[in-house]
Amino acid sequence: MDVRGVNITLGLPIIRVSVDHGTAREVAGKGIASEQAMSISIDYAIRMAQRRSSQKL
């Protein structure tokens, strides 16, 4: 599975991102899931946090 989508929830007091494919139950346990979506989601959260902290200066 090669999913590169990220859900970003705006308007919250916290940073919230998640993988676009949801739980991916259809591929669970089959050895075909990719960690790319999670890695991309974490990268977005890090960049958002960095921007947020630099704007507070």
N, C-alpha and C. Protein backbone atom coordinates (compact mmCIF):
# COMPACT_ATOMS: atom_id res chain seq x y z
N MET A 1 0.85 -1.18 0.00
CA MET A 1 0.00 0.00 0.00
C MET A 1 0.89 1.23 0.00
N ASP A 2 0.69 2.09 -0.94
CA ASP A 2 1.50 3.29 -1.06
C ASP A 2 0.61 4.52 -0.93
N VAL A 3 0.30 4.87 0.29
CA VAL A 3 -0.57 6.01 0.57
C VAL A 3 0.28 7.16 1.08
N ARG A 4 0.06 8.32 0.53
CA ARG A 4 0.84 9.49 0.94
C ARG A 4 -0.03 10.63 1.42
N GLY A 5 -1.26 10.36 1.75
CA GLY A 5 -2.17 11.40 2.20
C GLY A 5 -2.09 11.60 3.70
N VAL A 6 -2.35 12.83 4.11
CA VAL A 6 -2.32 13.19 5.53
C VAL A 6 -3.58 13.98 5.85
N ASN A 7 -4.26 13.62 6.92
CA ASN A 7 -5.38 14.42 7.43
C ASN A 7 -4.83 15.38 8.47
N ILE A 8 -5.13 16.65 8.30
CA ILE A 8 -4.72 17.67 9.26
C ILE A 8 -5.99 18.33 9.78
N THR A 9 -6.19 18.27 11.09
CA THR A 9 -7.36 18.88 11.71
C THR A 9 -6.99 20.28 12.17
N LEU A 10 -7.64 21.26 11.61
CA LEU A 10 -7.36 22.66 11.96
C LEU A 10 -8.38 23.17 12.97
N GLY A 11 -8.05 24.26 13.64
CA GLY A 11 -8.97 24.90 14.56
C GLY A 11 -8.93 24.34 15.97
N LEU A 12 -7.99 23.44 16.24
CA LEU A 12 -7.86 22.89 17.59
C LEU A 12 -6.69 23.56 18.31
N PRO A 13 -6.70 23.55 19.63
CA PRO A 13 -5.56 24.14 20.35
C PRO A 13 -4.32 23.24 20.33
N ILE A 14 -4.46 22.04 19.78
CA ILE A 14 -3.34 21.10 19.66
C ILE A 14 -3.12 20.80 18.18
N ILE A 15 -1.94 20.28 17.86
CA ILE A 15 -1.66 19.83 16.51
C ILE A 15 -2.17 18.41 16.38
N ARG A 16 -3.01 18.17 15.38
CA ARG A 16 -3.55 16.83 15.17
C ARG A 16 -3.43 16.46 13.71
N VAL A 17 -2.66 15.40 13.45
CA VAL A 17 -2.53 14.84 12.11
C VAL A 17 -2.78 13.35 12.19
N SER A 18 -3.19 12.77 11.07
CA SER A 18 -3.38 11.32 11.02
C SER A 18 -3.17 10.84 9.59
N VAL A 19 -2.95 9.55 9.47
CA VAL A 19 -2.77 8.98 8.14
C VAL A 19 -4.10 9.04 7.39
N ASP A 20 -4.03 9.21 6.09
CA ASP A 20 -5.23 9.36 5.28
C ASP A 20 -5.98 8.05 5.07
N HIS A 21 -5.28 6.94 5.21
CA HIS A 21 -5.93 5.66 4.91
C HIS A 21 -6.72 5.09 6.09
N GLY A 22 -6.79 5.81 7.18
CA GLY A 22 -7.55 5.31 8.34
C GLY A 22 -6.84 4.13 8.99
N THR A 23 -7.60 3.15 9.40
CA THR A 23 -7.01 2.01 10.10
C THR A 23 -6.37 1.00 9.17
N ALA A 24 -6.69 1.05 7.90
CA ALA A 24 -6.14 0.13 6.88
C ALA A 24 -6.35 -1.32 7.26
N ARG A 25 -7.49 -1.62 7.80
CA ARG A 25 -7.79 -3.00 8.22
C ARG A 25 -7.69 -4.00 7.08
N GLU A 26 -7.96 -3.54 5.86
CA GLU A 26 -7.94 -4.46 4.73
C GLU A 26 -6.55 -4.99 4.42
N VAL A 27 -5.51 -4.33 4.92
CA VAL A 27 -4.15 -4.80 4.67
C VAL A 27 -3.45 -5.28 5.94
N ALA A 28 -4.11 -5.15 7.07
CA ALA A 28 -3.50 -5.54 8.35
C ALA A 28 -3.13 -7.03 8.35
N GLY A 29 -1.92 -7.31 8.77
CA GLY A 29 -1.47 -8.69 8.89
C GLY A 29 -1.06 -9.35 7.59
N LYS A 30 -1.10 -8.62 6.48
CA LYS A 30 -0.76 -9.21 5.18
C LYS A 30 0.67 -8.88 4.73
N GLY A 31 1.35 -8.05 5.51
CA GLY A 31 2.72 -7.70 5.16
C GLY A 31 2.84 -6.77 3.96
N ILE A 32 1.78 -6.06 3.63
CA ILE A 32 1.82 -5.16 2.47
C ILE A 32 1.63 -3.69 2.86
N ALA A 33 1.41 -3.42 4.12
CA ALA A 33 1.23 -2.05 4.57
C ALA A 33 2.56 -1.29 4.49
N SER A 34 2.47 0.00 4.30
CA SER A 34 3.66 0.85 4.23
C SER A 34 3.66 1.83 5.39
N GLU A 35 4.83 2.11 5.89
CA GLU A 35 4.94 3.08 6.98
C GLU A 35 5.05 4.51 6.46
N GLN A 36 5.03 4.69 5.15
CA GLN A 36 5.20 6.02 4.56
C GLN A 36 4.18 7.03 5.06
N ALA A 37 2.92 6.66 5.11
CA ALA A 37 1.88 7.60 5.51
C ALA A 37 2.10 8.07 6.95
N MET A 38 2.47 7.16 7.83
CA MET A 38 2.72 7.54 9.23
C MET A 38 3.94 8.46 9.32
N SER A 39 4.97 8.13 8.58
CA SER A 39 6.18 8.95 8.57
C SER A 39 5.88 10.36 8.05
N ILE A 40 5.10 10.45 7.00
CA ILE A 40 4.74 11.76 6.43
C ILE A 40 3.87 12.54 7.42
N SER A 41 2.95 11.87 8.10
CA SER A 41 2.09 12.53 9.09
C SER A 41 2.93 13.11 10.23
N ILE A 42 3.89 12.33 10.71
CA ILE A 42 4.76 12.80 11.79
C ILE A 42 5.60 13.98 11.33
N ASP A 43 6.09 13.92 10.09
CA ASP A 43 6.87 15.03 9.54
C ASP A 43 6.05 16.31 9.49
N TYR A 44 4.81 16.21 9.04
CA TYR A 44 3.93 17.39 9.02
C TYR A 44 3.72 17.95 10.43
N ALA A 45 3.49 17.08 11.39
CA ALA A 45 3.28 17.53 12.77
C ALA A 45 4.51 18.25 13.31
N ILE A 46 5.68 17.73 13.01
CA ILE A 46 6.92 18.37 13.45
C ILE A 46 7.05 19.75 12.83
N ARG A 47 6.81 19.84 11.52
CA ARG A 47 6.92 21.15 10.85
C ARG A 47 5.89 22.14 11.38
N MET A 48 4.69 21.68 11.66
CA MET A 48 3.66 22.57 12.22
C MET A 48 4.07 23.06 13.59
N ALA A 49 4.64 22.17 14.41
CA ALA A 49 5.08 22.55 15.76
C ALA A 49 6.21 23.56 15.69
N GLN A 50 7.13 23.35 14.76
CA GLN A 50 8.25 24.29 14.61
C GLN A 50 7.75 25.67 14.20
N ARG A 51 6.81 25.71 13.26
CA ARG A 51 6.24 27.00 12.84
C ARG A 51 5.52 27.68 14.00
N ARG A 52 4.75 26.89 14.73
CA ARG A 52 4.00 27.45 15.85
C ARG A 52 4.93 28.06 16.89
N SER A 53 6.01 27.35 17.20
CA SER A 53 6.94 27.86 18.22
C SER A 53 7.70 29.08 17.72
N SER A 54 8.01 29.15 16.43
CA SER A 54 8.73 30.31 15.90
C SER A 54 7.82 31.54 15.82
N GLN A 55 6.50 31.35 15.69
CA GLN A 55 5.56 32.47 15.63
C GLN A 55 5.32 33.07 17.01
N LYS A 56 5.60 32.32 18.07
CA LYS A 56 5.36 32.82 19.42
C LYS A 56 6.48 33.72 19.91
N LEU A 57 7.57 33.79 19.16
CA LEU A 57 8.70 34.62 19.59
C LEU A 57 8.42 36.08 19.45
